[in-house]
Every structure is written in structure tokens, then in C-alpha cells.
Amino acid sequence: MRRAQEDDAPQTQCRQVLLADTDLASRLTLKTLLATAGYAVDGAASGSEAIAHLDAHEYQLVLADLRAESGEAGPRLLAYARQKEFRPATALISSRMSEMEESAFESCSSDSVVRMSDANVSYLLARVAELIGDRADRRIQRSLRRAS
């Protein structure tokens, strides 16, 4: 009887996140945190691996390490992601960026920055949820504009 109730329950849509980070420890830690919070996370160790994921799957959020491979690899990956038809939310992640550096970077870039910190996991998860929520709002607004 219990199984029938589970089958009748509405299926929740899993929020897909692509995480591109060259640092294995950082990637695995963040992937574990996000998976525990209910996100389906694909990890990529390089920009080319992340692009292959973007070409094969649809994501609600793409996170790229600010300092991956080269200084421009993260922003280039996010620019590529924003050109995809599914238009994911995008953000750079960094465990090494101060608040001042973050503000300076965001003021001269279209990319959001999510600072990772051992001490503030709730901020990280709230920021990820906010980025995905903002993406959903933009999609709804576009649909409403098209319908009118």
C-alpha cells in the first residue's frame, strides 16, 4: 500500500547543476554539499569537459571556478553556457576571493560570484537557490511577454 502512495506522489523536478572546478577537493566538497541539499550535480575538471556536459545536458545553474585553468577560463565557460537555449543561471565560484575582490569583479563583469567558505555553508546554499530562483523568474517573465 505504501508503494502505491509513493508512485502517486507528484514527481519533483531535480535541479541540475554543472560544477566546473579544477581543484578536486573543492569540486568534491561542493558537489557533496549541493547533492545533500537536493541538487543533481555534474562535475567537470576542465573547461572542455564542462562544455561537453553543456552540449549534452540542460542545467539550471552552471558554477565555474574563477581561477580555473587560466584567469579567463571561468568567465568564458559561463559566456558559452549563457548562449545555450536553456539559458542557465551562471556564477563564478571562489574560495579564495575576499568580499572586496568580489565586489570589484562583479562591478566590471556580468557574472555573479559565489564565495565558498567552510564557515558559511548556509550562505552558499542560499546563494545557489537564489540564482536558480532568479533564473526561473526570468523565464516566467519572458513567457509572459511572449504571450502578450
N, C-alpha and C. Protein backbone atom coordinates (compact mmCIF):
# COMPACT_ATOMS: atom_id res chain seq x y z
N MET A 1 0.82 -1.19 0.00
CA MET A 1 0.00 0.00 0.00
C MET A 1 0.87 1.26 0.00
N ARG A 2 1.92 1.25 0.79
CA ARG A 2 2.80 2.41 0.87
C ARG A 2 3.44 2.70 -0.49
N ARG A 3 3.83 1.67 -1.22
CA ARG A 3 4.46 1.83 -2.53
C ARG A 3 3.52 2.54 -3.50
N ALA A 4 2.23 2.22 -3.46
CA ALA A 4 1.26 2.86 -4.35
C ALA A 4 1.18 4.34 -4.06
N GLN A 5 1.24 4.72 -2.79
CA GLN A 5 1.19 6.14 -2.44
C GLN A 5 2.43 6.86 -2.97
N GLU A 6 3.58 6.23 -2.88
CA GLU A 6 4.80 6.84 -3.39
C GLU A 6 4.73 7.03 -4.89
N ASP A 7 4.15 6.05 -5.60
CA ASP A 7 4.03 6.15 -7.06
C ASP A 7 3.07 7.25 -7.47
N ASP A 8 2.04 7.51 -6.65
CA ASP A 8 1.06 8.53 -6.96
C ASP A 8 1.55 9.94 -6.62
N ALA A 9 2.61 10.05 -5.84
CA ALA A 9 3.11 11.36 -5.45
C ALA A 9 3.64 12.09 -6.67
N PRO A 10 3.43 13.41 -6.73
CA PRO A 10 3.96 14.16 -7.87
C PRO A 10 5.48 14.10 -7.89
N GLN A 11 6.02 13.97 -9.08
CA GLN A 11 7.47 13.91 -9.24
C GLN A 11 8.04 15.31 -9.12
N THR A 12 9.03 15.49 -8.28
CA THR A 12 9.67 16.78 -8.17
C THR A 12 10.75 16.87 -9.24
N GLN A 13 10.87 18.04 -9.81
CA GLN A 13 11.88 18.24 -10.84
C GLN A 13 13.23 18.48 -10.16
N CYS A 14 14.20 17.69 -10.49
CA CYS A 14 15.51 17.80 -9.89
C CYS A 14 16.23 19.00 -10.49
N ARG A 15 16.84 19.79 -9.64
CA ARG A 15 17.56 20.97 -10.11
C ARG A 15 18.96 20.55 -10.50
N GLN A 16 19.27 20.70 -11.77
CA GLN A 16 20.54 20.26 -12.34
C GLN A 16 21.58 21.38 -12.24
N VAL A 17 22.74 21.04 -11.70
CA VAL A 17 23.84 22.00 -11.56
C VAL A 17 25.07 21.40 -12.21
N LEU A 18 25.78 22.23 -12.98
CA LEU A 18 27.07 21.85 -13.52
C LEU A 18 28.13 22.62 -12.74
N LEU A 19 29.08 21.90 -12.20
CA LEU A 19 30.15 22.48 -11.39
C LEU A 19 31.48 22.24 -12.09
N ALA A 20 32.12 23.29 -12.54
CA ALA A 20 33.42 23.19 -13.21
C ALA A 20 34.48 23.75 -12.28
N ASP A 21 35.34 22.88 -11.79
CA ASP A 21 36.39 23.29 -10.86
C ASP A 21 37.58 22.36 -11.04
N THR A 22 38.75 22.92 -11.26
CA THR A 22 39.95 22.10 -11.48
C THR A 22 40.47 21.49 -10.19
N ASP A 23 40.13 22.06 -9.06
CA ASP A 23 40.60 21.57 -7.75
C ASP A 23 39.68 20.43 -7.30
N LEU A 24 40.23 19.21 -7.30
CA LEU A 24 39.44 18.02 -6.98
C LEU A 24 38.79 18.11 -5.61
N ALA A 25 39.54 18.52 -4.59
CA ALA A 25 38.99 18.59 -3.23
C ALA A 25 37.84 19.58 -3.16
N SER A 26 38.01 20.73 -3.77
CA SER A 26 36.96 21.75 -3.79
C SER A 26 35.73 21.25 -4.54
N ARG A 27 35.96 20.64 -5.70
CA ARG A 27 34.86 20.13 -6.51
C ARG A 27 34.06 19.07 -5.78
N LEU A 28 34.75 18.12 -5.15
CA LEU A 28 34.06 17.05 -4.44
C LEU A 28 33.32 17.57 -3.21
N THR A 29 33.90 18.52 -2.51
CA THR A 29 33.24 19.10 -1.33
C THR A 29 31.97 19.82 -1.74
N LEU A 30 32.06 20.67 -2.73
CA LEU A 30 30.90 21.43 -3.17
C LEU A 30 29.84 20.50 -3.77
N LYS A 31 30.28 19.53 -4.52
CA LYS A 31 29.34 18.57 -5.12
C LYS A 31 28.58 17.82 -4.02
N THR A 32 29.27 17.42 -2.97
CA THR A 32 28.63 16.72 -1.86
C THR A 32 27.63 17.63 -1.14
N LEU A 33 28.02 18.87 -0.88
CA LEU A 33 27.12 19.82 -0.22
C LEU A 33 25.84 20.03 -1.04
N LEU A 34 26.01 20.25 -2.33
CA LEU A 34 24.85 20.50 -3.18
C LEU A 34 23.98 19.26 -3.32
N ALA A 35 24.59 18.10 -3.44
CA ALA A 35 23.81 16.86 -3.55
C ALA A 35 23.02 16.61 -2.27
N THR A 36 23.62 16.88 -1.13
CA THR A 36 22.94 16.72 0.15
C THR A 36 21.74 17.66 0.24
N ALA A 37 21.85 18.83 -0.39
CA ALA A 37 20.76 19.80 -0.39
C ALA A 37 19.70 19.50 -1.45
N GLY A 38 19.87 18.42 -2.21
CA GLY A 38 18.86 18.01 -3.16
C GLY A 38 19.11 18.35 -4.61
N TYR A 39 20.30 18.84 -4.92
CA TYR A 39 20.63 19.17 -6.30
C TYR A 39 21.29 17.97 -6.98
N ALA A 40 21.04 17.82 -8.26
CA ALA A 40 21.76 16.83 -9.07
C ALA A 40 22.95 17.57 -9.66
N VAL A 41 24.15 17.11 -9.35
CA VAL A 41 25.36 17.85 -9.71
C VAL A 41 26.25 17.02 -10.61
N ASP A 42 26.63 17.60 -11.75
CA ASP A 42 27.65 17.02 -12.61
C ASP A 42 28.91 17.83 -12.39
N GLY A 43 30.02 17.15 -12.20
CA GLY A 43 31.29 17.83 -12.00
C GLY A 43 32.13 17.76 -13.25
N ALA A 44 32.91 18.80 -13.48
CA ALA A 44 33.84 18.85 -14.61
C ALA A 44 35.18 19.38 -14.10
N ALA A 45 36.25 18.72 -14.51
CA ALA A 45 37.59 19.10 -14.07
C ALA A 45 38.27 20.10 -15.00
N SER A 46 37.65 20.38 -16.14
CA SER A 46 38.25 21.31 -17.11
C SER A 46 37.15 22.02 -17.88
N GLY A 47 37.53 23.08 -18.56
CA GLY A 47 36.59 23.81 -19.39
C GLY A 47 36.04 22.96 -20.52
N SER A 48 36.90 22.17 -21.15
CA SER A 48 36.44 21.34 -22.27
C SER A 48 35.47 20.26 -21.78
N GLU A 49 35.73 19.71 -20.60
CA GLU A 49 34.80 18.73 -20.04
C GLU A 49 33.45 19.38 -19.72
N ALA A 50 33.50 20.59 -19.19
CA ALA A 50 32.26 21.32 -18.87
C ALA A 50 31.47 21.63 -20.14
N ILE A 51 32.14 22.02 -21.21
CA ILE A 51 31.47 22.30 -22.48
C ILE A 51 30.80 21.04 -23.01
N ALA A 52 31.46 19.90 -22.88
CA ALA A 52 30.85 18.64 -23.31
C ALA A 52 29.57 18.36 -22.53
N HIS A 53 29.58 18.62 -21.23
CA HIS A 53 28.37 18.46 -20.41
C HIS A 53 27.27 19.41 -20.89
N LEU A 54 27.64 20.67 -21.15
CA LEU A 54 26.65 21.66 -21.60
C LEU A 54 26.03 21.28 -22.94
N ASP A 55 26.82 20.66 -23.80
CA ASP A 55 26.31 20.25 -25.10
C ASP A 55 25.41 19.02 -25.01
N ALA A 56 25.54 18.26 -23.91
CA ALA A 56 24.78 17.02 -23.78
C ALA A 56 23.59 17.11 -22.83
N HIS A 57 23.59 18.08 -21.92
CA HIS A 57 22.56 18.15 -20.89
C HIS A 57 22.07 19.58 -20.69
N GLU A 58 20.90 19.70 -20.07
CA GLU A 58 20.34 21.00 -19.72
C GLU A 58 20.54 21.22 -18.22
N TYR A 59 21.00 22.41 -17.86
CA TYR A 59 21.26 22.75 -16.46
C TYR A 59 20.49 23.99 -16.07
N GLN A 60 20.11 24.05 -14.79
CA GLN A 60 19.51 25.26 -14.26
C GLN A 60 20.59 26.24 -13.79
N LEU A 61 21.75 25.71 -13.41
CA LEU A 61 22.83 26.54 -12.89
C LEU A 61 24.18 25.97 -13.33
N VAL A 62 25.07 26.87 -13.74
CA VAL A 62 26.45 26.50 -14.07
C VAL A 62 27.36 27.31 -13.15
N LEU A 63 28.17 26.61 -12.38
CA LEU A 63 29.15 27.24 -11.50
C LEU A 63 30.54 26.93 -12.04
N ALA A 64 31.37 27.96 -12.17
CA ALA A 64 32.73 27.76 -12.69
C ALA A 64 33.73 28.41 -11.74
N ASP A 65 34.83 27.71 -11.50
CA ASP A 65 35.88 28.23 -10.64
C ASP A 65 36.51 29.46 -11.29
N LEU A 66 36.59 30.53 -10.53
CA LEU A 66 37.14 31.78 -11.04
C LEU A 66 38.59 31.62 -11.49
N ARG A 67 39.33 30.78 -10.83
CA ARG A 67 40.75 30.64 -11.12
C ARG A 67 41.07 29.35 -11.88
N ALA A 68 40.07 28.78 -12.53
CA ALA A 68 40.27 27.51 -13.24
C ALA A 68 41.18 27.70 -14.45
N GLU A 69 42.05 26.75 -14.65
CA GLU A 69 42.94 26.65 -15.81
C GLU A 69 43.66 27.96 -16.11
N SER A 70 42.94 28.99 -16.45
CA SER A 70 43.52 30.32 -16.68
C SER A 70 42.54 31.34 -16.11
N GLY A 71 42.97 32.56 -16.00
CA GLY A 71 42.11 33.60 -15.43
C GLY A 71 40.83 33.82 -16.20
N GLU A 72 40.82 33.48 -17.47
CA GLU A 72 39.64 33.72 -18.32
C GLU A 72 38.79 32.48 -18.56
N ALA A 73 39.25 31.33 -18.12
CA ALA A 73 38.53 30.08 -18.41
C ALA A 73 37.13 30.08 -17.81
N GLY A 74 37.01 30.50 -16.54
CA GLY A 74 35.70 30.52 -15.90
C GLY A 74 34.71 31.45 -16.60
N PRO A 75 35.07 32.73 -16.79
CA PRO A 75 34.15 33.64 -17.49
C PRO A 75 33.82 33.18 -18.92
N ARG A 76 34.79 32.59 -19.64
CA ARG A 76 34.50 32.09 -20.99
C ARG A 76 33.50 30.95 -20.95
N LEU A 77 33.65 30.05 -19.99
CA LEU A 77 32.72 28.94 -19.85
C LEU A 77 31.31 29.46 -19.57
N LEU A 78 31.19 30.44 -18.68
CA LEU A 78 29.87 30.99 -18.36
C LEU A 78 29.26 31.72 -19.55
N ALA A 79 30.08 32.39 -20.33
CA ALA A 79 29.57 33.05 -21.54
C ALA A 79 29.03 32.00 -22.51
N TYR A 80 29.72 30.89 -22.65
CA TYR A 80 29.25 29.79 -23.51
C TYR A 80 27.93 29.24 -22.98
N ALA A 81 27.85 29.05 -21.67
CA ALA A 81 26.63 28.50 -21.06
C ALA A 81 25.44 29.42 -21.29
N ARG A 82 25.65 30.73 -21.19
CA ARG A 82 24.54 31.68 -21.37
C ARG A 82 24.02 31.69 -22.80
N GLN A 83 24.78 31.21 -23.75
CA GLN A 83 24.33 31.16 -25.14
C GLN A 83 23.48 29.93 -25.44
N LYS A 84 23.44 28.99 -24.51
CA LYS A 84 22.64 27.78 -24.72
C LYS A 84 21.15 28.14 -24.68
N GLU A 85 20.35 27.39 -25.41
CA GLU A 85 18.92 27.66 -25.49
C GLU A 85 18.23 27.61 -24.12
N PHE A 86 18.71 26.76 -23.22
CA PHE A 86 18.07 26.61 -21.91
C PHE A 86 18.46 27.71 -20.92
N ARG A 87 19.38 28.56 -21.28
CA ARG A 87 19.77 29.74 -20.52
C ARG A 87 19.91 29.49 -19.01
N PRO A 88 20.95 28.79 -18.61
CA PRO A 88 21.11 28.53 -17.18
C PRO A 88 21.53 29.78 -16.41
N ALA A 89 21.26 29.79 -15.13
CA ALA A 89 21.86 30.80 -14.27
C ALA A 89 23.35 30.48 -14.24
N THR A 90 24.18 31.49 -14.09
CA THR A 90 25.62 31.27 -14.09
C THR A 90 26.26 32.05 -12.95
N ALA A 91 27.33 31.50 -12.42
CA ALA A 91 28.09 32.21 -11.39
C ALA A 91 29.49 31.63 -11.32
N LEU A 92 30.42 32.50 -10.96
CA LEU A 92 31.78 32.07 -10.68
C LEU A 92 31.85 31.70 -9.21
N ILE A 93 32.62 30.69 -8.89
CA ILE A 93 32.81 30.31 -7.50
C ILE A 93 34.27 30.52 -7.14
N SER A 94 34.50 30.88 -5.89
CA SER A 94 35.88 31.04 -5.43
C SER A 94 35.92 30.87 -3.93
N SER A 95 36.91 30.14 -3.49
CA SER A 95 37.14 30.01 -2.05
C SER A 95 38.23 30.96 -1.61
N ARG A 96 38.82 31.64 -2.58
CA ARG A 96 39.97 32.49 -2.27
C ARG A 96 39.70 33.98 -2.48
N MET A 97 38.49 34.36 -2.77
CA MET A 97 38.19 35.75 -3.08
C MET A 97 37.62 36.47 -1.86
N SER A 98 38.16 37.63 -1.57
CA SER A 98 37.66 38.44 -0.46
C SER A 98 36.39 39.17 -0.91
N GLU A 99 35.64 39.72 0.04
CA GLU A 99 34.44 40.48 -0.30
C GLU A 99 34.77 41.67 -1.18
N MET A 100 35.89 42.33 -0.92
CA MET A 100 36.28 43.49 -1.72
C MET A 100 36.58 43.08 -3.16
N GLU A 101 37.32 41.98 -3.33
CA GLU A 101 37.62 41.48 -4.68
C GLU A 101 36.33 41.08 -5.39
N GLU A 102 35.41 40.45 -4.65
CA GLU A 102 34.15 40.04 -5.23
C GLU A 102 33.37 41.24 -5.75
N SER A 103 33.27 42.29 -4.96
CA SER A 103 32.53 43.50 -5.36
C SER A 103 33.17 44.12 -6.59
N ALA A 104 34.50 44.20 -6.60
CA ALA A 104 35.21 44.79 -7.75
C ALA A 104 34.98 43.96 -8.99
N PHE A 105 35.02 42.62 -8.86
CA PHE A 105 34.83 41.75 -10.01
C PHE A 105 33.41 41.88 -10.57
N GLU A 106 32.41 41.85 -9.68
CA GLU A 106 31.02 41.91 -10.14
C GLU A 106 30.69 43.25 -10.78
N SER A 107 31.35 44.33 -10.34
CA SER A 107 31.06 45.64 -10.92
C SER A 107 31.57 45.76 -12.35
N CYS A 108 32.59 44.97 -12.73
CA CYS A 108 33.13 45.06 -14.09
C CYS A 108 32.80 43.82 -14.92
N SER A 109 31.90 42.97 -14.43
CA SER A 109 31.58 41.73 -15.12
C SER A 109 30.09 41.45 -15.01
N SER A 110 29.56 40.68 -15.96
CA SER A 110 28.15 40.29 -15.89
C SER A 110 27.96 39.05 -15.03
N ASP A 111 29.05 38.48 -14.53
CA ASP A 111 28.98 37.25 -13.75
C ASP A 111 28.79 37.52 -12.27
N SER A 112 27.94 36.72 -11.65
CA SER A 112 27.82 36.72 -10.20
C SER A 112 28.97 35.90 -9.63
N VAL A 113 29.27 36.15 -8.37
CA VAL A 113 30.31 35.38 -7.70
C VAL A 113 29.70 34.75 -6.46
N VAL A 114 29.98 33.47 -6.26
CA VAL A 114 29.57 32.77 -5.05
C VAL A 114 30.84 32.43 -4.30
N ARG A 115 30.99 32.99 -3.12
CA ARG A 115 32.16 32.74 -2.31
C ARG A 115 31.94 31.48 -1.48
N MET A 116 32.85 30.55 -1.57
CA MET A 116 32.75 29.33 -0.77
C MET A 116 33.54 29.55 0.52
N SER A 117 32.94 29.13 1.61
CA SER A 117 33.60 29.27 2.90
C SER A 117 33.23 28.08 3.77
N ASP A 118 34.21 27.54 4.45
CA ASP A 118 33.94 26.43 5.36
C ASP A 118 32.96 26.84 6.45
N ALA A 119 33.02 28.10 6.83
CA ALA A 119 32.22 28.56 7.96
C ALA A 119 30.79 28.93 7.58
N ASN A 120 30.49 29.05 6.30
CA ASN A 120 29.18 29.56 5.95
C ASN A 120 28.51 28.76 4.84
N VAL A 121 28.22 27.52 5.11
CA VAL A 121 27.56 26.65 4.15
C VAL A 121 26.15 27.15 3.85
N SER A 122 25.46 27.70 4.85
CA SER A 122 24.09 28.18 4.62
C SER A 122 24.07 29.32 3.59
N TYR A 123 25.08 30.20 3.62
CA TYR A 123 25.17 31.26 2.61
C TYR A 123 25.30 30.65 1.22
N LEU A 124 26.18 29.69 1.10
CA LEU A 124 26.43 29.04 -0.19
C LEU A 124 25.14 28.43 -0.74
N LEU A 125 24.44 27.66 0.09
CA LEU A 125 23.21 27.02 -0.37
C LEU A 125 22.12 28.04 -0.67
N ALA A 126 22.03 29.09 0.13
CA ALA A 126 21.03 30.14 -0.12
C ALA A 126 21.34 30.86 -1.43
N ARG A 127 22.61 31.11 -1.69
CA ARG A 127 23.02 31.80 -2.93
C ARG A 127 22.71 30.95 -4.16
N VAL A 128 22.96 29.64 -4.08
CA VAL A 128 22.65 28.74 -5.18
C VAL A 128 21.13 28.73 -5.44
N ALA A 129 20.35 28.63 -4.38
CA ALA A 129 18.88 28.65 -4.52
C ALA A 129 18.41 29.97 -5.11
N GLU A 130 19.03 31.07 -4.69
CA GLU A 130 18.67 32.39 -5.21
C GLU A 130 18.96 32.49 -6.71
N LEU A 131 20.10 32.01 -7.14
CA LEU A 131 20.46 32.05 -8.56
C LEU A 131 19.48 31.24 -9.40
N ILE A 132 19.11 30.06 -8.93
CA ILE A 132 18.15 29.22 -9.66
C ILE A 132 16.77 29.87 -9.65
N GLY A 133 16.38 30.46 -8.53
CA GLY A 133 15.09 31.16 -8.45
C GLY A 133 15.04 32.35 -9.38
N ASP A 134 16.11 33.12 -9.45
CA ASP A 134 16.17 34.27 -10.36
C ASP A 134 16.04 33.81 -11.81
N ARG A 135 16.67 32.69 -12.14
CA ARG A 135 16.56 32.14 -13.50
C ARG A 135 15.11 31.79 -13.80
N ALA A 136 14.44 31.15 -12.85
CA ALA A 136 13.04 30.78 -13.05
C ALA A 136 12.17 32.02 -13.24
N ASP A 137 12.42 33.06 -12.47
CA ASP A 137 11.68 34.32 -12.62
C ASP A 137 11.87 34.91 -14.01
N ARG A 138 13.12 34.92 -14.50
CA ARG A 138 13.39 35.47 -15.84
C ARG A 138 12.66 34.67 -16.92
N ARG A 139 12.64 33.36 -16.78
CA ARG A 139 11.96 32.51 -17.77
C ARG A 139 10.45 32.78 -17.77
N ILE A 140 9.87 32.95 -16.59
CA ILE A 140 8.44 33.24 -16.50
C ILE A 140 8.14 34.59 -17.12
N GLN A 141 8.96 35.60 -16.82
CA GLN A 141 8.75 36.92 -17.39
C GLN A 141 8.84 36.89 -18.92
N ARG A 142 9.81 36.15 -19.46
CA ARG A 142 9.92 36.03 -20.93
C ARG A 142 8.68 35.38 -21.51
N SER A 143 8.20 34.33 -20.85
CA SER A 143 6.99 33.63 -21.33
C SER A 143 5.78 34.55 -21.31
N LEU A 144 5.66 35.35 -20.28
CA LEU A 144 4.53 36.28 -20.18
C LEU A 144 4.61 37.35 -21.26
N ARG A 145 5.82 37.86 -21.53
CA ARG A 145 5.99 38.87 -22.58
C ARG A 145 5.64 38.29 -23.94
N ARG A 146 6.04 37.05 -24.19
CA ARG A 146 5.74 36.40 -25.47
C ARG A 146 4.24 36.16 -25.62
N ALA A 147 3.58 35.85 -24.52
CA ALA A 147 2.14 35.54 -24.56
C ALA A 147 1.29 36.79 -24.79
N SER A 148 1.82 37.98 -24.42
CA SER A 148 1.00 39.18 -24.58
C SER A 148 1.21 39.88 -25.89
